[in-house]
Amino acid sequence: MDLGTTVWHTQTTGDTDVEKGPDPQCSICFTTYDNVFKTPKQLDCTHTFCLECLSRLVTISMDPDEGKISCPFCRHLTPIPKNGPPALTTSREVLCRLPKHQQHEENVWLEGEKLCYMRPPKTGMPAFCICTDIGASARGARAAPQTRSRPSLLERLTNWKKLLLFIVIMVLVAVIVLWPLQCIVTTGSMRCVPRPPQPNLITTSTTAPRTLTHH
């Protein structure tokens, strides 16, 4: 009896950077995906990151002439649409792994250096707009190298004064510590003045001469 061989196939996906757990997270900020600012966006290389992190990367590192962003993992370039990172492809596979109330992607748009979202009205509450700044960190990263300027002449003189004062203090400390030691070695006491020689005391006994009296 010929028994057929059973072959098991394992299907793999391109989202290798998404944690295989109940709460998939962005591999840059390690925040759980959602359907608003943390919407999972897929690059052309199939790596997936949240919308907010990709928007910050675009603000910092995108070449304005090429209009492309480099993947943080494989450096593959992905063109950025005219409407910005919110128009990137949404990873439906990751979105379907979220809770049911988050599986519908909300409308998020780019307004200057902010990601904005219009929150729908709820019972007794009107609709309102929520925005998150994606340009503040980029400006800080760019301004940090420019703030390093050469020290002025006054700062240099101040540094030299501090160095000179430190040298003087170290010399005084060395003198205060080493001078008594030298005195102890050379003179045998804390005083550096040598002791005068002690006169030899010679004790002599004198006897009064006897006077002879003649009777």
Protein backbone atom coordinates (compact mmCIF):
# COMPACT_ATOMS: atom_id res chain seq x y z
CA MET A 1 0.00 0.00 0.00
CA ASP A 2 1.51 3.25 -1.15
CA LEU A 3 1.08 6.05 1.33
CA GLY A 4 1.40 9.56 -0.05
CA THR A 5 3.84 11.94 1.53
CA THR A 6 2.22 14.92 3.21
CA VAL A 7 4.06 18.21 2.71
CA TRP A 8 3.26 21.11 5.02
CA HIS A 9 3.71 24.61 3.65
CA THR A 10 4.30 27.60 5.89
CA GLN A 11 3.20 30.93 4.52
CA THR A 12 5.50 33.84 5.26
CA THR A 13 4.78 37.52 4.91
CA GLY A 14 6.95 40.50 4.22
CA ASP A 15 6.17 42.16 7.55
CA THR A 16 9.14 40.62 9.28
CA ASP A 17 9.56 43.58 11.60
CA VAL A 18 6.10 43.22 13.21
CA GLU A 19 6.05 41.33 16.46
CA LYS A 20 4.01 38.13 16.26
CA GLY A 21 1.84 38.78 19.27
CA PRO A 22 -1.62 39.98 20.21
CA ASP A 23 -0.49 43.62 20.10
CA PRO A 24 1.70 44.35 17.05
CA GLN A 25 4.10 47.21 17.65
CA CYS A 26 6.12 49.64 15.59
CA SER A 27 9.79 48.64 15.47
CA ILE A 28 10.95 52.25 15.85
CA CYS A 29 8.95 53.60 18.80
CA PHE A 30 7.77 50.21 20.18
CA THR A 31 4.23 51.58 20.46
CA THR A 32 1.18 49.47 19.68
CA TYR A 33 -0.35 50.22 16.30
CA ASP A 34 -3.75 51.89 16.03
CA ASN A 35 -5.87 53.33 13.24
CA VAL A 36 -4.93 57.01 13.69
CA PHE A 37 -1.40 58.39 14.21
CA LYS A 38 0.04 54.90 14.73
CA THR A 39 -1.51 53.46 11.58
CA PRO A 40 0.78 50.71 10.16
CA LYS A 41 2.25 52.00 6.89
CA GLN A 42 4.11 49.66 4.55
CA LEU A 43 7.10 50.74 2.47
CA ASP A 44 8.00 49.33 -0.94
CA CYS A 45 10.40 46.91 0.75
CA THR A 46 7.40 45.48 2.72
CA HIS A 47 8.78 46.68 6.07
CA THR A 48 6.06 48.26 8.19
CA PHE A 49 6.26 51.19 10.61
CA CYS A 50 3.74 53.53 12.19
CA LEU A 51 2.62 56.68 10.40
CA GLU A 52 3.98 59.04 13.04
CA CYS A 53 7.52 57.58 12.95
CA LEU A 54 7.62 57.61 9.16
CA SER A 55 6.40 61.21 9.14
CA ARG A 56 9.23 62.22 11.49
CA LEU A 57 11.77 60.38 9.32
CA VAL A 58 10.47 62.18 6.26
CA THR A 59 10.84 65.53 8.03
CA ILE A 60 14.42 64.77 9.09
CA SER A 61 16.02 62.69 6.37
CA MET A 62 14.03 62.85 3.15
CA ASP A 63 15.84 64.33 0.17
CA PRO A 64 13.51 67.08 -1.15
CA ASP A 65 14.87 66.68 -4.67
CA GLU A 66 14.26 62.92 -4.85
CA GLY A 67 11.16 62.83 -2.65
CA LYS A 68 12.04 59.42 -1.27
CA ILE A 69 12.53 57.97 2.19
CA SER A 70 15.10 55.35 3.14
CA CYS A 71 13.90 52.31 5.08
CA PRO A 72 15.48 52.22 8.57
CA PHE A 73 16.09 48.47 8.14
CA CYS A 74 17.22 47.79 4.59
CA ARG A 75 17.83 51.35 3.24
CA HIS A 76 15.51 50.69 0.32
CA LEU A 77 14.05 53.93 -1.08
CA THR A 78 10.31 54.48 -1.17
CA PRO A 79 8.75 57.45 -3.01
CA ILE A 80 6.60 59.68 -0.81
CA PRO A 81 3.21 60.61 -2.33
CA LYS A 82 2.23 64.24 -2.87
CA ASN A 83 -0.10 64.13 0.14
CA GLY A 84 2.76 63.00 2.35
CA PRO A 85 3.23 59.92 4.56
CA PRO A 86 -0.55 59.53 5.28
CA ALA A 87 -0.95 58.52 1.63
CA LEU A 88 1.50 55.61 1.97
CA THR A 89 0.15 52.08 1.66
CA THR A 90 -1.54 50.85 4.81
CA SER A 91 -0.64 47.33 5.89
CA ARG A 92 -4.03 45.63 5.93
CA GLU A 93 -2.52 42.50 7.42
CA VAL A 94 -1.38 44.37 10.51
CA LEU A 95 -4.54 46.48 10.66
CA CYS A 96 -6.69 43.33 10.74
CA ARG A 97 -4.78 42.09 13.79
CA LEU A 98 -5.88 45.12 15.82
CA PRO A 99 -9.07 45.19 17.93
CA LYS A 100 -12.24 45.36 15.89
CA HIS A 101 -12.89 49.03 16.67
CA GLN A 102 -9.46 49.93 15.25
CA GLN A 103 -9.57 47.90 12.04
CA HIS A 104 -11.09 50.82 10.13
CA GLU A 105 -8.45 53.35 9.11
CA GLU A 106 -9.27 56.91 10.09
CA ASN A 107 -8.64 59.92 7.87
CA VAL A 108 -5.33 61.51 8.91
CA TRP A 109 -3.79 64.35 6.91
CA LEU A 110 -0.56 66.34 6.95
CA GLU A 111 -0.92 70.01 7.81
CA GLY A 112 2.47 71.72 7.71
CA GLU A 113 4.55 69.92 10.32
CA LYS A 114 1.59 68.34 12.05
CA LEU A 115 -0.45 65.19 11.61
CA CYS A 116 -4.12 65.99 12.12
CA TYR A 117 -7.22 63.88 12.66
CA MET A 118 -10.86 64.87 12.98
CA ARG A 119 -12.37 62.97 15.86
CA PRO A 120 -15.98 62.06 15.10
CA PRO A 121 -18.70 63.35 17.41
CA LYS A 122 -19.79 61.20 20.31
CA THR A 123 -22.81 61.26 22.54
CA GLY A 124 -23.04 64.76 23.93
CA MET A 125 -19.62 65.75 22.52
CA PRO A 126 -18.98 67.67 19.29
CA ALA A 127 -16.37 66.67 16.74
CA PHE A 128 -12.94 68.24 17.20
CA CYS A 129 -9.51 68.14 15.53
CA ILE A 130 -6.50 66.49 17.14
CA CYS A 131 -2.97 67.22 15.88
CA THR A 132 0.50 65.96 16.79
CA ASP A 133 3.69 67.82 15.96
CA ILE A 134 6.18 65.89 13.83
CA GLY A 135 8.60 68.77 13.14
CA ALA A 136 9.75 69.79 16.64
CA SER A 137 12.13 66.86 17.05
CA ALA A 138 13.45 67.35 13.53
CA ARG A 139 14.23 71.02 14.16
CA GLY A 140 15.97 70.09 17.38
CA ALA A 141 18.06 67.43 15.63
CA ARG A 142 19.10 69.90 12.94
CA ALA A 143 19.82 72.77 15.31
CA ALA A 144 21.91 70.70 17.71
CA PRO A 145 25.06 70.52 15.52
CA GLN A 146 24.82 74.24 14.71
CA THR A 147 24.77 75.34 18.34
CA ARG A 148 28.33 74.12 18.80
CA SER A 149 30.35 77.28 18.24
CA ARG A 150 33.96 78.04 18.95
CA PRO A 151 34.63 79.49 22.40
CA SER A 152 35.11 83.25 22.48
CA LEU A 153 38.28 85.00 23.57
CA LEU A 154 36.78 85.79 26.96
CA GLU A 155 35.92 82.14 27.51
CA ARG A 156 39.44 81.12 26.54
CA LEU A 157 40.96 83.63 28.98
CA THR A 158 38.63 82.41 31.68
CA ASN A 159 39.70 78.84 31.03
CA TRP A 160 43.37 79.84 31.22
CA LYS A 161 42.76 81.64 34.50
CA LYS A 162 41.09 78.56 35.91
CA LEU A 163 43.99 76.40 34.73
CA LEU A 164 46.56 78.78 36.22
CA LEU A 165 44.68 78.91 39.52
CA PHE A 166 44.56 75.11 39.58
CA ILE A 167 48.33 74.89 39.00
CA VAL A 168 49.04 77.41 41.79
CA ILE A 169 46.81 75.52 44.20
CA MET A 170 48.53 72.22 43.36
CA VAL A 171 51.98 73.79 43.91
CA LEU A 172 50.90 75.17 47.28
CA VAL A 173 49.49 71.82 48.30
CA ALA A 174 52.71 70.10 47.26
CA VAL A 175 54.80 72.59 49.22
CA ILE A 176 52.61 72.31 52.32
CA VAL A 177 52.76 68.51 52.23
CA LEU A 178 56.37 67.95 51.13
CA TRP A 179 58.08 70.71 53.12
CA PRO A 180 57.37 69.19 56.56
CA LEU A 181 58.45 65.78 55.29
CA GLN A 182 61.73 67.21 54.08
CA CYS A 183 62.27 68.90 57.42
CA ILE A 184 61.61 65.68 59.27
CA VAL A 185 64.09 63.80 57.10
CA THR A 186 66.85 66.41 57.28
CA THR A 187 66.49 67.81 60.78
CA GLY A 188 64.50 65.14 62.56
CA SER A 189 61.74 67.54 63.54
CA MET A 190 58.98 69.59 62.01
CA ARG A 191 61.18 72.65 62.34
CA CYS A 192 63.50 73.19 59.44
CA VAL A 193 66.03 75.09 61.61
CA PRO A 194 68.74 72.68 62.67
CA ARG A 195 69.10 72.22 66.35
CA PRO A 196 72.13 73.93 67.92
CA PRO A 197 74.73 71.53 69.21
CA GLN A 198 74.20 70.67 72.84
CA PRO A 199 77.26 71.50 75.04
CA ASN A 200 78.76 68.51 76.78
CA LEU A 201 78.12 68.89 80.44
CA ILE A 202 81.26 67.75 82.34
CA THR A 203 80.65 67.30 85.99
CA THR A 204 83.77 67.83 88.07
CA SER A 205 83.92 67.34 91.74
CA THR A 206 85.99 69.87 93.63
CA THR A 207 87.22 69.32 97.12
CA ALA A 208 88.12 72.14 99.30
CA PRO A 209 91.81 72.06 100.35
CA ARG A 210 92.40 71.15 103.89
CA THR A 211 94.11 73.79 105.97
CA LEU A 212 96.70 72.47 108.38
CA THR A 213 96.69 74.15 111.71
CA HIS A 214 99.76 73.97 113.91
CA HIS A 215 99.27 73.91 117.58
